[in-house]
Amino acid sequence: MSLRLYTHTDCLGHDTGPGHAERPDRLRAVTAAINAAFPDLGWTSASVAPRDALLRVHGADYVDGLMSRPAEGLAWLDEDTVFSPGSLQAALRAAGAGIDAVDWVMGEAGRRAFCAVRPPGHHAEHAKAMGFCLFNNIAVAAAHALWAGVQRVAIADFDVHHGNGTQSIFARQPRVLFASSHEMPLYPWTGGFDETGIGNIFNAPILGGTGRETFRSTWSKQLLPAIDDFAPQLLLISAGFDAHRDDPLASLQLEADDYAWLTTELVRIANRHAHGRVVSMLEGGYDLDGLATSSVAHLRAMMV
């Protein structure tokens, strides 16, 4: 098994202003914790995502609008999502990391990758920024894999918030399965059991205040079997760590070892169907200590 880490200093240049939950210190906490835990791994610099790769999941007017947006001060794209002078380059690197990682893991069996990037992506829709997200990084990675010839891509999303953007982009794409656990009711107020796409969407909402037993049972009985039955040739992970018990934006009660458990189960599926190929991309997680310890636990499980 080979593991590669992707990031870029441009991702720190996305300035969300004072007091914003999605802040550069998130990425600093993740990379520092990984460096301390795995000092021999090193990092690979993420490329800039090309326009044609973005257009596989986003509209041309939306992409070109972000690319031509004046880089002056802080602009609010919605009530949560900020655009600053460094935001475009950060978002292009975040999406580019997923493309780079897919290309690398598909080059040889047994390869896995983790992309420590920001801004996150799974809320961004075809033509809309939302929920701290500009480009949908995981969707760009999945669409790139399809374009490159992968026939079945599964996306596992364990962020505490539903990946509405990813779901909407692939709701009618039979070559992509989307499986998500998330707190409900909670932003973005989507992700009900009845949202099934063309049979390729699997949502498992979890009541706030719930702990590890429900989380593990939900994945074991509902989501993991769906992914396993799909037999993906590539497994992608939207790795949000904001279901941690200390996170300020939600109320699930997970700990780092819950993420390690789920990652281990996902890796087992990848080993069965995808020659071990996994790409994980950082999404949410807003308590710095919880984010750091959970990221390390996730990465350690990916190395098995």
C-alpha atoms as a PDB file:
ATOM      1  CA  MET A   1       0.000   0.000   0.000  1.00  0.00           C
ATOM      2  CA  SER A   2       1.275   3.468  -0.956  1.00  0.00           C
ATOM      3  CA  LEU A   3      -0.135   6.685   0.508  1.00  0.00           C
ATOM      4  CA  ARG A   4       0.341  10.169  -0.892  1.00  0.00           C
ATOM      5  CA  LEU A   5      -0.625  13.463   0.745  1.00  0.00           C
ATOM      6  CA  TYR A   6      -1.721  16.488  -1.295  1.00  0.00           C
ATOM      7  CA  THR A   7      -2.000  20.112  -0.226  1.00  0.00           C
ATOM      8  CA  HIS A   8      -0.837  23.582  -1.269  1.00  0.00           C
ATOM      9  CA  THR A   9       0.020  26.774   0.578  1.00  0.00           C
ATOM     10  CA  ASP A  10      -2.439  28.627  -1.683  1.00  0.00           C
ATOM     11  CA  CYS A  11      -5.215  26.954   0.310  1.00  0.00           C
ATOM     12  CA  LEU A  12      -4.186  29.096   3.287  1.00  0.00           C
ATOM     13  CA  GLY A  13      -4.831  32.238   1.230  1.00  0.00           C
ATOM     14  CA  HIS A  14      -8.599  31.809   1.285  1.00  0.00           C
ATOM     15  CA  ASP A  15      -9.422  34.580   3.784  1.00  0.00           C
ATOM     16  CA  THR A  16     -12.859  34.253   5.372  1.00  0.00           C
ATOM     17  CA  GLY A  17     -12.462  37.129   7.799  1.00  0.00           C
ATOM     18  CA  PRO A  18     -12.412  37.286  11.607  1.00  0.00           C
ATOM     19  CA  GLY A  19     -14.583  34.846  13.516  1.00  0.00           C
ATOM     20  CA  HIS A  20     -15.449  32.601  10.574  1.00  0.00           C
ATOM     21  CA  ALA A  21     -15.547  28.883  11.370  1.00  0.00           C
ATOM     22  CA  GLU A  22     -13.884  27.861   8.071  1.00  0.00           C
ATOM     23  CA  ARG A  23     -10.525  29.507   8.669  1.00  0.00           C
ATOM     24  CA  PRO A  24      -6.905  28.910   7.617  1.00  0.00           C
ATOM     25  CA  ASP A  25      -6.046  27.548  11.078  1.00  0.00           C
ATOM     26  CA  ARG A  26      -8.093  24.461  10.193  1.00  0.00           C
ATOM     27  CA  LEU A  27      -5.617  23.453   7.507  1.00  0.00           C
ATOM     28  CA  ARG A  28      -2.647  24.371   9.693  1.00  0.00           C
ATOM     29  CA  ALA A  29      -3.995  22.112  12.463  1.00  0.00           C
ATOM     30  CA  VAL A  30      -4.461  19.176  10.084  1.00  0.00           C
ATOM     31  CA  THR A  31      -1.064  19.424   8.411  1.00  0.00           C
ATOM     32  CA  ALA A  32       0.773  19.956  11.714  1.00  0.00           C
ATOM     33  CA  ALA A  33      -0.886  16.925  13.294  1.00  0.00           C
ATOM     34  CA  ILE A  34      -0.136  14.745  10.256  1.00  0.00           C
ATOM     35  CA  ASN A  35       3.469  15.925  10.156  1.00  0.00           C
ATOM     36  CA  ALA A  36       3.886  15.047  13.820  1.00  0.00           C
ATOM     37  CA  ALA A  37       2.255  11.629  13.478  1.00  0.00           C
ATOM     38  CA  PHE A  38       3.802  10.643  10.133  1.00  0.00           C
ATOM     39  CA  PRO A  39       7.028  12.633   9.695  1.00  0.00           C
ATOM     40  CA  ASP A  40       8.269  10.483   6.827  1.00  0.00           C
ATOM     41  CA  LEU A  41       5.290  10.863   4.509  1.00  0.00           C
ATOM     42  CA  GLY A  42       5.938  14.291   3.002  1.00  0.00           C
ATOM     43  CA  TRP A  43       3.547  16.306   0.846  1.00  0.00           C
ATOM     44  CA  THR A  44       2.822  16.694  -2.858  1.00  0.00           C
ATOM     45  CA  SER A  45       1.825  20.132  -4.138  1.00  0.00           C
ATOM     46  CA  ALA A  46      -1.620  20.204  -5.721  1.00  0.00           C
ATOM     47  CA  SER A  47      -2.015  21.426  -9.286  1.00  0.00           C
ATOM     48  CA  VAL A  48      -4.475  24.089 -10.399  1.00  0.00           C
ATOM     49  CA  ALA A  49      -7.693  22.501 -11.649  1.00  0.00           C
ATOM     50  CA  PRO A  50      -8.165  23.226 -15.381  1.00  0.00           C
ATOM     51  CA  ARG A  51     -11.361  24.906 -16.540  1.00  0.00           C
ATOM     52  CA  ASP A  52     -12.514  21.890 -18.552  1.00  0.00           C
ATOM     53  CA  ALA A  53     -12.388  19.685 -15.447  1.00  0.00           C
ATOM     54  CA  LEU A  54     -14.516  22.173 -13.508  1.00  0.00           C
ATOM     55  CA  LEU A  55     -17.042  22.321 -16.356  1.00  0.00           C
ATOM     56  CA  ARG A  56     -17.773  18.608 -15.954  1.00  0.00           C
ATOM     57  CA  VAL A  57     -19.718  19.460 -12.790  1.00  0.00           C
ATOM     58  CA  HIS A  58     -20.250  23.236 -12.844  1.00  0.00           C
ATOM     59  CA  GLY A  59     -21.888  25.578 -15.348  1.00  0.00           C
ATOM     60  CA  ALA A  60     -19.705  27.737 -17.573  1.00  0.00           C
ATOM     61  CA  ASP A  61     -21.300  30.970 -16.374  1.00  0.00           C
ATOM     62  CA  TYR A  62     -20.645  30.012 -12.767  1.00  0.00           C
ATOM     63  CA  VAL A  63     -17.011  28.959 -13.326  1.00  0.00           C
ATOM     64  CA  ASP A  64     -16.186  31.973 -15.478  1.00  0.00           C
ATOM     65  CA  GLY A  65     -17.947  34.264 -13.015  1.00  0.00           C
ATOM     66  CA  LEU A  66     -15.722  33.099 -10.164  1.00  0.00           C
ATOM     67  CA  MET A  67     -12.609  33.237 -12.322  1.00  0.00           C
ATOM     68  CA  SER A  68     -13.303  36.815 -13.413  1.00  0.00           C
ATOM     69  CA  ARG A  69     -14.552  38.074 -10.052  1.00  0.00           C
ATOM     70  CA  PRO A  70     -12.654  41.142  -8.816  1.00  0.00           C
ATOM     71  CA  ALA A  71     -10.178  40.104  -6.103  1.00  0.00           C
ATOM     72  CA  GLU A  72     -10.749  43.008  -3.742  1.00  0.00           C
ATOM     73  CA  GLY A  73     -11.654  42.784  -0.094  1.00  0.00           C
ATOM     74  CA  LEU A  74     -14.122  40.215   1.223  1.00  0.00           C
ATOM     75  CA  ALA A  75     -17.328  39.506  -0.723  1.00  0.00           C
ATOM     76  CA  TRP A  76     -20.137  37.336   0.639  1.00  0.00           C
ATOM     77  CA  LEU A  77     -21.496  34.934  -1.983  1.00  0.00           C
ATOM     78  CA  ASP A  78     -24.179  33.819   0.458  1.00  0.00           C
ATOM     79  CA  GLU A  79     -24.696  34.178   4.204  1.00  0.00           C
ATOM     80  CA  ASP A  80     -21.869  31.699   4.931  1.00  0.00           C
ATOM     81  CA  THR A  81     -19.525  31.743   1.939  1.00  0.00           C
ATOM     82  CA  VAL A  82     -16.776  34.334   1.512  1.00  0.00           C
ATOM     83  CA  PHE A  83     -14.720  35.250  -1.551  1.00  0.00           C
ATOM     84  CA  SER A  84     -11.402  37.005  -0.894  1.00  0.00           C
ATOM     85  CA  PRO A  85      -8.394  37.926  -3.068  1.00  0.00           C
ATOM     86  CA  GLY A  86      -6.860  34.501  -2.402  1.00  0.00           C
ATOM     87  CA  SER A  87     -10.031  32.456  -2.668  1.00  0.00           C
ATOM     88  CA  LEU A  88      -9.969  31.602  -6.374  1.00  0.00           C
ATOM     89  CA  GLN A  89      -6.442  30.222  -6.280  1.00  0.00           C
ATOM     90  CA  ALA A  90      -7.211  28.263  -3.113  1.00  0.00           C
ATOM     91  CA  ALA A  91     -10.344  26.770  -4.666  1.00  0.00           C
ATOM     92  CA  LEU A  92      -8.511  25.862  -7.873  1.00  0.00           C
ATOM     93  CA  ARG A  93      -5.806  24.092  -5.861  1.00  0.00           C
ATOM     94  CA  ALA A  94      -8.404  22.281  -3.736  1.00  0.00           C
ATOM     95  CA  ALA A  95     -10.174  20.935  -6.811  1.00  0.00           C
ATOM     96  CA  GLY A  96      -6.848  20.256  -8.516  1.00  0.00           C
ATOM     97  CA  ALA A  97      -5.702  18.119  -5.586  1.00  0.00           C
ATOM     98  CA  GLY A  98      -8.562  15.708  -6.198  1.00  0.00           C
ATOM     99  CA  ILE A  99      -7.723  15.429  -9.877  1.00  0.00           C
ATOM    100  CA  ASP A 100      -4.051  14.813  -9.119  1.00  0.00           C
ATOM    101  CA  ALA A 101      -4.945  12.210  -6.501  1.00  0.00           C
ATOM    102  CA  VAL A 102      -7.293  10.316  -8.823  1.00  0.00           C
ATOM    103  CA  ASP A 103      -4.668  10.211 -11.560  1.00  0.00           C
ATOM    104  CA  TRP A 104      -2.070   8.918  -9.121  1.00  0.00           C
ATOM    105  CA  VAL A 105      -4.140   6.218  -7.415  1.00  0.00           C
ATOM    106  CA  MET A 106      -5.439   4.904 -10.741  1.00  0.00           C
ATOM    107  CA  GLY A 107      -1.864   4.469 -11.957  1.00  0.00           C
ATOM    108  CA  GLU A 108      -1.225   1.400  -9.833  1.00  0.00           C
ATOM    109  CA  ALA A 109      -3.081  -0.952  -7.484  1.00  0.00           C
ATOM    110  CA  GLY A 110      -2.850  -0.334  -3.752  1.00  0.00           C
ATOM    111  CA  ARG A 111      -2.519   3.444  -3.890  1.00  0.00           C
ATOM    112  CA  ARG A 112      -4.392   5.812  -1.560  1.00  0.00           C
ATOM    113  CA  ALA A 113      -4.355   9.574  -1.204  1.00  0.00           C
ATOM    114  CA  PHE A 114      -5.491  12.210   1.257  1.00  0.00           C
ATOM    115  CA  CYS A 115      -6.066  15.805   0.152  1.00  0.00           C
ATOM    116  CA  ALA A 116      -5.716  18.349   2.969  1.00  0.00           C
ATOM    117  CA  VAL A 117      -7.294  21.324   1.236  1.00  0.00           C
ATOM    118  CA  ARG A 118      -9.674  24.215   1.699  1.00  0.00           C
ATOM    119  CA  PRO A 119     -12.164  25.625   0.921  1.00  0.00           C
ATOM    120  CA  PRO A 120     -14.274  22.485   1.306  1.00  0.00           C
ATOM    121  CA  GLY A 121     -16.535  21.493  -1.544  1.00  0.00           C
ATOM    122  CA  HIS A 122     -19.476  19.179  -0.989  1.00  0.00           C
ATOM    123  CA  HIS A 123     -22.135  21.911  -0.650  1.00  0.00           C
ATOM    124  CA  ALA A 124     -21.244  23.636  -3.931  1.00  0.00           C
ATOM    125  CA  GLU A 125     -23.891  22.959  -6.570  1.00  0.00           C
ATOM    126  CA  HIS A 126     -23.794  23.074 -10.364  1.00  0.00           C
ATOM    127  CA  ALA A 127     -24.143  26.858 -10.461  1.00  0.00           C
ATOM    128  CA  LYS A 128     -24.084  27.939  -6.832  1.00  0.00           C
ATOM    129  CA  ALA A 129     -21.560  28.505  -4.060  1.00  0.00           C
ATOM    130  CA  MET A 130     -22.844  27.708  -0.603  1.00  0.00           C
ATOM    131  CA  GLY A 131     -21.940  26.403   2.832  1.00  0.00           C
ATOM    132  CA  PHE A 132     -18.296  27.627   2.745  1.00  0.00           C
ATOM    133  CA  CYS A 133     -17.793  25.868  -0.646  1.00  0.00           C
ATOM    134  CA  LEU A 134     -16.821  27.336  -4.037  1.00  0.00           C
ATOM    135  CA  PHE A 135     -16.041  24.366  -6.320  1.00  0.00           C
ATOM    136  CA  ASN A 136     -17.276  20.878  -5.478  1.00  0.00           C
ATOM    137  CA  ASN A 137     -13.888  19.224  -5.048  1.00  0.00           C
ATOM    138  CA  ILE A 138     -15.085  15.650  -4.600  1.00  0.00           C
ATOM    139  CA  ALA A 139     -17.486  15.939  -7.542  1.00  0.00           C
ATOM    140  CA  VAL A 140     -14.703  17.303  -9.754  1.00  0.00           C
ATOM    141  CA  ALA A 141     -12.541  14.334  -8.752  1.00  0.00           C
ATOM    142  CA  ALA A 142     -15.336  11.841  -9.447  1.00  0.00           C
ATOM    143  CA  ALA A 143     -16.186  13.375 -12.821  1.00  0.00           C
ATOM    144  CA  HIS A 144     -12.512  13.320 -13.765  1.00  0.00           C
ATOM    145  CA  ALA A 145     -12.365   9.622 -12.920  1.00  0.00           C
ATOM    146  CA  LEU A 146     -15.404   8.945 -15.126  1.00  0.00           C
ATOM    147  CA  TRP A 147     -13.840  10.955 -17.948  1.00  0.00           C
ATOM    148  CA  ALA A 148     -10.652   8.903 -17.553  1.00  0.00           C
ATOM    149  CA  GLY A 149     -12.591   5.672 -18.002  1.00  0.00           C
ATOM    150  CA  VAL A 150     -13.477   4.481 -14.502  1.00  0.00           C
ATOM    151  CA  GLN A 151     -16.886   2.824 -14.770  1.00  0.00           C
ATOM    152  CA  ARG A 152     -18.077   2.897 -11.147  1.00  0.00           C
ATOM    153  CA  VAL A 153     -17.149   5.526  -8.564  1.00  0.00           C
ATOM    154  CA  ALA A 154     -18.523   5.507  -5.022  1.00  0.00           C
ATOM    155  CA  ILE A 155     -18.492   8.613  -2.823  1.00  0.00           C
ATOM    156  CA  ALA A 156     -18.751   8.088   0.939  1.00  0.00           C
ATOM    157  CA  ASP A 157     -19.568  11.321   2.802  1.00  0.00           C
ATOM    158  CA  PHE A 158     -19.396  11.276   6.616  1.00  0.00           C
ATOM    159  CA  ASP A 159     -19.378  15.044   7.134  1.00  0.00           C
ATOM    160  CA  VAL A 160     -22.006  16.014   9.703  1.00  0.00           C
ATOM    161  CA  HIS A 161     -23.691  18.204   7.078  1.00  0.00           C
ATOM    162  CA  HIS A 162     -25.362  16.617   4.062  1.00  0.00           C
ATOM    163  CA  GLY A 163     -23.416  16.893   0.799  1.00  0.00           C
ATOM    164  CA  ASN A 164     -26.290  18.449  -1.100  1.00  0.00           C
ATOM    165  CA  GLY A 165     -24.096  19.671  -3.936  1.00  0.00           C
ATOM    166  CA  THR A 166     -22.526  16.291  -4.591  1.00  0.00           C
ATOM    167  CA  GLN A 167     -25.920  14.625  -4.480  1.00  0.00           C
ATOM    168  CA  SER A 168     -27.520  17.078  -6.896  1.00  0.00           C
ATOM    169  CA  ILE A 169     -24.635  16.852  -9.374  1.00  0.00           C
ATOM    170  CA  PHE A 170     -24.751  13.034  -9.566  1.00  0.00           C
ATOM    171  CA  ALA A 171     -28.418  12.308  -8.815  1.00  0.00           C
ATOM    172  CA  ARG A 172     -28.953  10.987 -12.349  1.00  0.00           C
ATOM    173  CA  GLN A 173     -25.512   9.509 -13.009  1.00  0.00           C
ATOM    174  CA  PRO A 174     -25.683   5.700 -12.718  1.00  0.00           C
ATOM    175  CA  ARG A 175     -21.893   5.334 -12.690  1.00  0.00           C
ATOM    176  CA  VAL A 176     -21.656   7.231  -9.374  1.00  0.00           C
ATOM    177  CA  LEU A 177     -23.025   6.095  -6.020  1.00  0.00           C
ATOM    178  CA  PHE A 178     -23.352   8.664  -3.241  1.00  0.00           C
ATOM    179  CA  ALA A 179     -23.712   7.479   0.378  1.00  0.00           C
ATOM    180  CA  SER A 180     -24.029   9.988   3.208  1.00  0.00           C
ATOM    181  CA  SER A 181     -24.577  10.035   6.947  1.00  0.00           C
ATOM    182  CA  HIS A 182     -25.391  13.436   8.414  1.00  0.00           C
ATOM    183  CA  GLU A 183     -27.142  15.104  11.309  1.00  0.00           C
ATOM    184  CA  MET A 184     -30.771  16.040  10.705  1.00  0.00           C
ATOM    185  CA  PRO A 185     -32.300  18.527  11.164  1.00  0.00           C
ATOM    186  CA  LEU A 186     -29.257  20.609  10.280  1.00  0.00           C
ATOM    187  CA  TYR A 187     -27.942  22.761   7.452  1.00  0.00           C
ATOM    188  CA  PRO A 188     -28.437  22.429   4.473  1.00  0.00           C
ATOM    189  CA  TRP A 189     -31.784  20.818   5.395  1.00  0.00           C
ATOM    190  CA  THR A 190     -31.510  18.111   2.725  1.00  0.00           C
ATOM    191  CA  GLY A 191     -30.606  14.424   2.721  1.00  0.00           C
ATOM    192  CA  GLY A 192     -33.814  12.633   3.608  1.00  0.00           C
ATOM    193  CA  PHE A 193     -34.285   8.901   3.154  1.00  0.00           C
ATOM    194  CA  ASP A 194     -36.604   9.635   0.224  1.00  0.00           C
ATOM    195  CA  GLU A 195     -33.871  11.394  -1.795  1.00  0.00           C
ATOM    196  CA  THR A 196     -32.664   8.441  -3.848  1.00  0.00           C
ATOM    197  CA  GLY A 197     -31.785   9.818  -7.281  1.00  0.00           C
ATOM    198  CA  ILE A 198     -32.087   6.975  -9.788  1.00  0.00           C
ATOM    199  CA  GLY A 199     -31.323   4.451  -7.084  1.00  0.00           C
ATOM    200  CA  ASN A 200     -27.733   5.642  -6.709  1.00  0.00           C
ATOM    201  CA  ILE A 201     -28.253   7.975  -3.721  1.00  0.00           C
ATOM    202  CA  PHE A 202     -28.237   6.573  -0.167  1.00  0.00           C
ATOM    203  CA  ASN A 203     -28.927   8.992   2.672  1.00  0.00           C
ATOM    204  CA  ALA A 204     -28.893   8.121   6.366  1.00  0.00           C
ATOM    205  CA  PRO A 205     -29.917  11.115   8.505  1.00  0.00           C
ATOM    206  CA  ILE A 206     -29.005  10.846  12.193  1.00  0.00           C
ATOM    207  CA  LEU A 207     -30.705  12.687  15.054  1.00  0.00           C
ATOM    208  CA  GLY A 208     -28.634  15.322  16.841  1.00  0.00           C
ATOM    209  CA  GLY A 209     -27.053  14.271  20.124  1.00  0.00           C
ATOM    210  CA  THR A 210     -26.540  10.738  18.851  1.00  0.00           C
ATOM    211  CA  GLY A 211     -23.340   8.866  19.653  1.00  0.00           C
ATOM    212  CA  ARG A 212     -21.156   6.223  18.114  1.00  0.00           C
ATOM    213  CA  GLU A 213     -23.562   3.311  18.426  1.00  0.00           C
ATOM    214  CA  THR A 214     -26.086   4.836  16.040  1.00  0.00           C
ATOM    215  CA  PHE A 215     -23.371   6.108  13.702  1.00  0.00           C
ATOM    216  CA  ARG A 216     -21.685   2.721  13.429  1.00  0.00           C
ATOM    217  CA  SER A 217     -24.983   0.868  13.099  1.00  0.00           C
ATOM    218  CA  THR A 218     -26.135   3.257  10.362  1.00  0.00           C
ATOM    219  CA  TRP A 219     -23.041   2.637   8.292  1.00  0.00           C
ATOM    220  CA  SER A 220     -22.909  -1.099   9.011  1.00  0.00           C
ATOM    221  CA  LYS A 221     -26.540  -1.808   8.144  1.00  0.00           C
ATOM    222  CA  GLN A 222     -27.347   0.776   5.472  1.00  0.00           C
ATOM    223  CA  LEU A 223     -24.495   2.584   3.782  1.00  0.00           C
ATOM    224  CA  LEU A 224     -21.583   0.150   3.721  1.00  0.00           C
ATOM    225  CA  PRO A 225     -23.705  -2.658   2.200  1.00  0.00           C
ATOM    226  CA  ALA A 226     -24.913  -0.265  -0.511  1.00  0.00           C
ATOM    227  CA  ILE A 227     -21.335   0.671  -1.406  1.00  0.00           C
ATOM    228  CA  ASP A 228     -20.229  -2.960  -1.309  1.00  0.00           C
ATOM    229  CA  ASP A 229     -23.068  -4.034  -3.617  1.00  0.00           C
ATOM    230  CA  PHE A 230     -22.120  -1.287  -6.069  1.00  0.00           C
ATOM    231  CA  ALA A 231     -18.579  -2.752  -6.319  1.00  0.00           C
ATOM    232  CA  PRO A 232     -16.818   0.549  -7.035  1.00  0.00           C
ATOM    233  CA  GLN A 233     -13.627   0.641  -9.053  1.00  0.00           C
ATOM    234  CA  LEU A 234     -12.617   3.772  -7.135  1.00  0.00           C
ATOM    235  CA  LEU A 235     -13.707   4.912  -3.678  1.00  0.00           C
ATOM    236  CA  LEU A 236     -13.778   8.620  -2.864  1.00  0.00           C
ATOM    237  CA  ILE A 237     -14.337  10.002   0.634  1.00  0.00           C
ATOM    238  CA  SER A 238     -15.736  13.389   1.636  1.00  0.00           C
ATOM    239  CA  ALA A 239     -13.916  13.433   4.964  1.00  0.00           C
ATOM    240  CA  GLY A 240     -15.638  15.947   7.201  1.00  0.00           C
ATOM    241  CA  PHE A 241     -14.795  15.638  10.889  1.00  0.00           C
ATOM    242  CA  ASP A 242     -17.507  17.934  12.256  1.00  0.00           C
ATOM    243  CA  ALA A 243     -19.539  15.082  13.746  1.00  0.00           C
ATOM    244  CA  HIS A 244     -16.879  15.059  16.484  1.00  0.00           C
ATOM    245  CA  ARG A 245     -18.385  15.622  19.919  1.00  0.00           C
ATOM    246  CA  ASP A 246     -16.460  18.892  20.414  1.00  0.00           C
ATOM    247  CA  ASP A 247     -17.422  20.498  17.109  1.00  0.00           C
ATOM    248  CA  PRO A 248     -19.232  23.840  17.554  1.00  0.00           C
ATOM    249  CA  LEU A 249     -21.460  23.585  14.467  1.00  0.00           C
ATOM    250  CA  ALA A 250     -23.282  20.317  15.193  1.00  0.00           C
ATOM    251  CA  SER A 251     -24.257  17.974  18.012  1.00  0.00           C
ATOM    252  CA  LEU A 252     -23.296  14.419  17.086  1.00  0.00           C
ATOM    253  CA  GLN A 253     -21.018  12.734  19.604  1.00  0.00           C
ATOM    254  CA  LEU A 254     -18.290  10.979  17.632  1.00  0.00           C
ATOM    255  CA  GLU A 255     -14.652  10.577  18.613  1.00  0.00           C
ATOM    256  CA  ALA A 256     -11.519  10.029  16.571  1.00  0.00           C
ATOM    257  CA  ASP A 257     -11.700   6.255  16.797  1.00  0.00           C
ATOM    258  CA  ASP A 258     -15.150   6.286  15.187  1.00  0.00           C
ATOM    259  CA  TYR A 259     -13.599   7.812  12.084  1.00  0.00           C
ATOM    260  CA  ALA A 260     -10.829   5.220  12.221  1.00  0.00           C
ATOM    261  CA  TRP A 261     -13.435   2.442  12.399  1.00  0.00           C
ATOM    262  CA  LEU A 262     -15.403   3.717   9.402  1.00  0.00           C
ATOM    263  CA  THR A 263     -12.252   4.344   7.372  1.00  0.00           C
ATOM    264  CA  THR A 264     -11.142   0.773   8.017  1.00  0.00           C
ATOM    265  CA  GLU A 265     -14.480  -0.527   6.767  1.00  0.00           C
ATOM    266  CA  LEU A 266     -14.318   1.635   3.648  1.00  0.00           C
ATOM    267  CA  VAL A 267     -10.767   0.488   2.924  1.00  0.00           C
ATOM    268  CA  ARG A 268     -11.934  -3.126   3.147  1.00  0.00           C
ATOM    269  CA  ILE A 269     -14.530  -2.433   0.456  1.00  0.00           C
ATOM    270  CA  ALA A 270     -11.909  -0.711  -1.685  1.00  0.00           C
ATOM    271  CA  ASN A 271      -9.635  -3.713  -1.266  1.00  0.00           C
ATOM    272  CA  ARG A 272     -12.405  -6.042  -2.445  1.00  0.00           C
ATOM    273  CA  HIS A 273     -13.493  -4.094  -5.500  1.00  0.00           C
ATOM    274  CA  ALA A 274     -11.095  -1.254  -6.326  1.00  0.00           C
ATOM    275  CA  HIS A 275      -7.626  -2.771  -5.853  1.00  0.00           C
ATOM    276  CA  GLY A 276      -7.393  -0.693  -2.686  1.00  0.00           C
ATOM    277  CA  ARG A 277      -7.730   2.632  -4.507  1.00  0.00           C
ATOM    278  CA  VAL A 278      -9.054   5.392  -2.223  1.00  0.00           C
ATOM    279  CA  VAL A 279      -8.971   9.186  -2.474  1.00  0.00           C
ATOM    280  CA  SER A 280     -10.051  11.142   0.608  1.00  0.00           C
ATOM    281  CA  MET A 281     -10.660  14.893   0.579  1.00  0.00           C
ATOM    282  CA  LEU A 282     -11.001  17.125   3.614  1.00  0.00           C
ATOM    283  CA  GLU A 283     -14.406  18.716   4.088  1.00  0.00           C
ATOM    284  CA  GLY A 284     -15.594  20.131   7.437  1.00  0.00           C
ATOM    285  CA  GLY A 285     -14.389  20.021  11.021  1.00  0.00           C
ATOM    286  CA  TYR A 286     -14.278  23.201  13.102  1.00  0.00           C
ATOM    287  CA  ASP A 287     -12.897  22.256  16.512  1.00  0.00           C
ATOM    288  CA  LEU A 288      -9.173  22.323  15.867  1.00  0.00           C
ATOM    289  CA  ASP A 289      -8.210  19.596  18.317  1.00  0.00           C
ATOM    290  CA  GLY A 290     -11.022  17.298  17.214  1.00  0.00           C
ATOM    291  CA  LEU A 291     -10.185  17.969  13.580  1.00  0.00           C
ATOM    292  CA  ALA A 292      -6.489  17.230  14.091  1.00  0.00           C
ATOM    293  CA  THR A 293      -6.902  13.994  16.067  1.00  0.00           C
ATOM    294  CA  SER A 294      -9.650  12.735  13.756  1.00  0.00           C
ATOM    295  CA  SER A 295      -7.601  13.446  10.630  1.00  0.00           C
ATOM    296  CA  VAL A 296      -4.680  11.467  12.048  1.00  0.00           C
ATOM    297  CA  ALA A 297      -6.972   8.562  12.992  1.00  0.00           C
ATOM    298  CA  HIS A 298      -8.488   8.610   9.502  1.00  0.00           C
ATOM    299  CA  LEU A 299      -5.067   8.613   7.859  1.00  0.00           C
ATOM    300  CA  ARG A 300      -3.721   5.855  10.087  1.00  0.00           C
ATOM    301  CA  ALA A 301      -6.659   3.642   9.090  1.00  0.00           C
ATOM    302  CA  MET A 302      -6.043   4.411   5.415  1.00  0.00           C
ATOM    303  CA  MET A 303      -2.500   3.057   5.783  1.00  0.00           C
ATOM    304  CA  VAL A 304      -3.591  -0.465   6.691  1.00  0.00           C
END
